[in-house]
Amino acid sequence: MVIGKVVGSIVSTRKSENLIGNKFMVIEPLKEMKGGSERFVAIDNIGAGIGETVLVAMGSAARVGMENAPVDAAIVGIVDE
């Protein structure tokens, strides 16, 4: 998992049928969590907003509950403090 800040959103009018109704957010990992990682896109099912710090599941853990969806990163929590 990665902790990062939501720095933007992406609008996609054409996408896989399994992703319809989901938001895509641009995540910038916190400096302490980067490990060579740059910004990436994560699916957002919990309603995170730009500027919020979030917890992101990566890889196969991001697809839990989204069978057959081409997802590699999913926002799974909003960090309060």
C-alpha atoms as a PDB file:
ATOM      1  CA  MET A   1       0.000   0.000   0.000  1.00  0.00           C
ATOM      2  CA  VAL A   2       1.000   3.576  -0.640  1.00  0.00           C
ATOM      3  CA  ILE A   3       0.067   6.822   1.092  1.00  0.00           C
ATOM      4  CA  GLY A   4      -0.294   9.728  -1.307  1.00  0.00           C
ATOM      5  CA  LYS A   5      -2.070  12.967  -2.070  1.00  0.00           C
ATOM      6  CA  VAL A   6      -4.790  13.335  -4.690  1.00  0.00           C
ATOM      7  CA  VAL A   7      -3.477  15.991  -7.094  1.00  0.00           C
ATOM      8  CA  GLY A   8      -6.004  15.746  -9.911  1.00  0.00           C
ATOM      9  CA  SER A   9      -8.638  13.754 -11.701  1.00  0.00           C
ATOM     10  CA  ILE A  10      -8.963  12.195 -15.123  1.00  0.00           C
ATOM     11  CA  VAL A  11     -12.081  12.181 -17.279  1.00  0.00           C
ATOM     12  CA  SER A  12     -12.552   9.226 -19.598  1.00  0.00           C
ATOM     13  CA  THR A  13     -15.670   9.042 -21.730  1.00  0.00           C
ATOM     14  CA  ARG A  14     -14.695   5.666 -23.232  1.00  0.00           C
ATOM     15  CA  LYS A  15     -13.449   2.890 -20.969  1.00  0.00           C
ATOM     16  CA  SER A  16     -13.831  -0.768 -20.141  1.00  0.00           C
ATOM     17  CA  GLU A  17     -17.420  -1.698 -19.291  1.00  0.00           C
ATOM     18  CA  ASN A  18     -16.203  -2.909 -15.884  1.00  0.00           C
ATOM     19  CA  LEU A  19     -15.040   0.626 -15.028  1.00  0.00           C
ATOM     20  CA  ILE A  20     -18.168   2.576 -15.932  1.00  0.00           C
ATOM     21  CA  GLY A  21     -19.334   4.737 -13.031  1.00  0.00           C
ATOM     22  CA  ASN A  22     -15.908   4.962 -11.365  1.00  0.00           C
ATOM     23  CA  LYS A  23     -13.716   8.054 -10.943  1.00  0.00           C
ATOM     24  CA  PHE A  24     -10.018   8.112 -11.777  1.00  0.00           C
ATOM     25  CA  MET A  25      -7.732  10.221  -9.580  1.00  0.00           C
ATOM     26  CA  VAL A  26      -4.073  11.215 -10.033  1.00  0.00           C
ATOM     27  CA  ILE A  27      -2.023  10.290  -6.940  1.00  0.00           C
ATOM     28  CA  GLU A  28       1.348  11.693  -5.922  1.00  0.00           C
ATOM     29  CA  PRO A  29       3.028   9.416  -3.352  1.00  0.00           C
ATOM     30  CA  LEU A  30       4.332  11.135  -0.220  1.00  0.00           C
ATOM     31  CA  LYS A  31       8.093  11.757  -0.347  1.00  0.00           C
ATOM     32  CA  GLU A  32       8.657   9.183   2.396  1.00  0.00           C
ATOM     33  CA  MET A  33       6.743   6.535   0.382  1.00  0.00           C
ATOM     34  CA  LYS A  34       8.053   7.198  -3.144  1.00  0.00           C
ATOM     35  CA  GLY A  35      10.596   4.421  -3.552  1.00  0.00           C
ATOM     36  CA  GLY A  36      11.278   5.590  -7.114  1.00  0.00           C
ATOM     37  CA  SER A  37       7.571   5.979  -7.847  1.00  0.00           C
ATOM     38  CA  GLU A  38       6.094   8.972  -9.653  1.00  0.00           C
ATOM     39  CA  ARG A  39       2.472  10.052 -10.016  1.00  0.00           C
ATOM     40  CA  PHE A  40      -0.003   7.358 -10.990  1.00  0.00           C
ATOM     41  CA  VAL A  41      -3.727   6.906 -11.590  1.00  0.00           C
ATOM     42  CA  ALA A  42      -5.978   5.093  -9.100  1.00  0.00           C
ATOM     43  CA  ILE A  43      -9.650   4.217  -9.264  1.00  0.00           C
ATOM     44  CA  ASP A  44     -11.732   5.920  -6.567  1.00  0.00           C
ATOM     45  CA  ASN A  45     -14.764   4.153  -5.137  1.00  0.00           C
ATOM     46  CA  ILE A  46     -14.892   6.027  -1.823  1.00  0.00           C
ATOM     47  CA  GLY A  47     -15.267   9.652  -2.918  1.00  0.00           C
ATOM     48  CA  ALA A  48     -11.829  11.140  -2.260  1.00  0.00           C
ATOM     49  CA  GLY A  49     -11.298  14.709  -3.376  1.00  0.00           C
ATOM     50  CA  ILE A  50      -8.391  16.704  -4.727  1.00  0.00           C
ATOM     51  CA  GLY A  51      -6.004  17.687  -1.939  1.00  0.00           C
ATOM     52  CA  GLU A  52      -6.868  14.761   0.324  1.00  0.00           C
ATOM     53  CA  THR A  53      -4.302  12.286   1.625  1.00  0.00           C
ATOM     54  CA  VAL A  54      -5.322   8.736   0.730  1.00  0.00           C
ATOM     55  CA  LEU A  55      -4.334   5.111   1.228  1.00  0.00           C
ATOM     56  CA  VAL A  56      -3.947   3.242  -2.065  1.00  0.00           C
ATOM     57  CA  ALA A  57      -3.921  -0.523  -2.591  1.00  0.00           C
ATOM     58  CA  MET A  58      -1.734  -1.668  -5.478  1.00  0.00           C
ATOM     59  CA  GLY A  59      -1.652  -4.753  -7.696  1.00  0.00           C
ATOM     60  CA  SER A  60      -4.066  -7.628  -7.191  1.00  0.00           C
ATOM     61  CA  ALA A  61      -5.277  -6.182  -3.864  1.00  0.00           C
ATOM     62  CA  ALA A  62      -6.738  -3.241  -5.827  1.00  0.00           C
ATOM     63  CA  ARG A  63      -9.087  -5.594  -7.692  1.00  0.00           C
ATOM     64  CA  VAL A  64     -10.832  -7.021  -4.621  1.00  0.00           C
ATOM     65  CA  GLY A  65     -14.552  -6.611  -5.213  1.00  0.00           C
ATOM     66  CA  MET A  66     -13.990  -5.630  -8.852  1.00  0.00           C
ATOM     67  CA  GLU A  67     -13.684  -8.954 -10.620  1.00  0.00           C
ATOM     68  CA  ASN A  68     -12.597  -8.770 -14.265  1.00  0.00           C
ATOM     69  CA  ALA A  69     -11.777  -5.052 -13.980  1.00  0.00           C
ATOM     70  CA  PRO A  70      -8.416  -3.874 -15.351  1.00  0.00           C
ATOM     71  CA  VAL A  71      -7.370  -2.105 -12.137  1.00  0.00           C
ATOM     72  CA  ASP A  72      -3.828  -1.816 -10.763  1.00  0.00           C
ATOM     73  CA  ALA A  73      -4.389   0.851  -8.064  1.00  0.00           C
ATOM     74  CA  ALA A  74      -7.458   1.670  -5.956  1.00  0.00           C
ATOM     75  CA  ILE A  75      -8.077   4.266  -3.262  1.00  0.00           C
ATOM     76  CA  VAL A  76      -9.190   2.307  -0.202  1.00  0.00           C
ATOM     77  CA  GLY A  77      -9.138   4.979   2.508  1.00  0.00           C
ATOM     78  CA  ILE A  78      -8.885   8.683   3.294  1.00  0.00           C
ATOM     79  CA  VAL A  79      -6.201   9.494   5.883  1.00  0.00           C
ATOM     80  CA  ASP A  80      -7.472  11.735   8.714  1.00  0.00           C
ATOM     81  CA  GLU A  81      -4.136  12.374  10.424  1.00  0.00           C
END
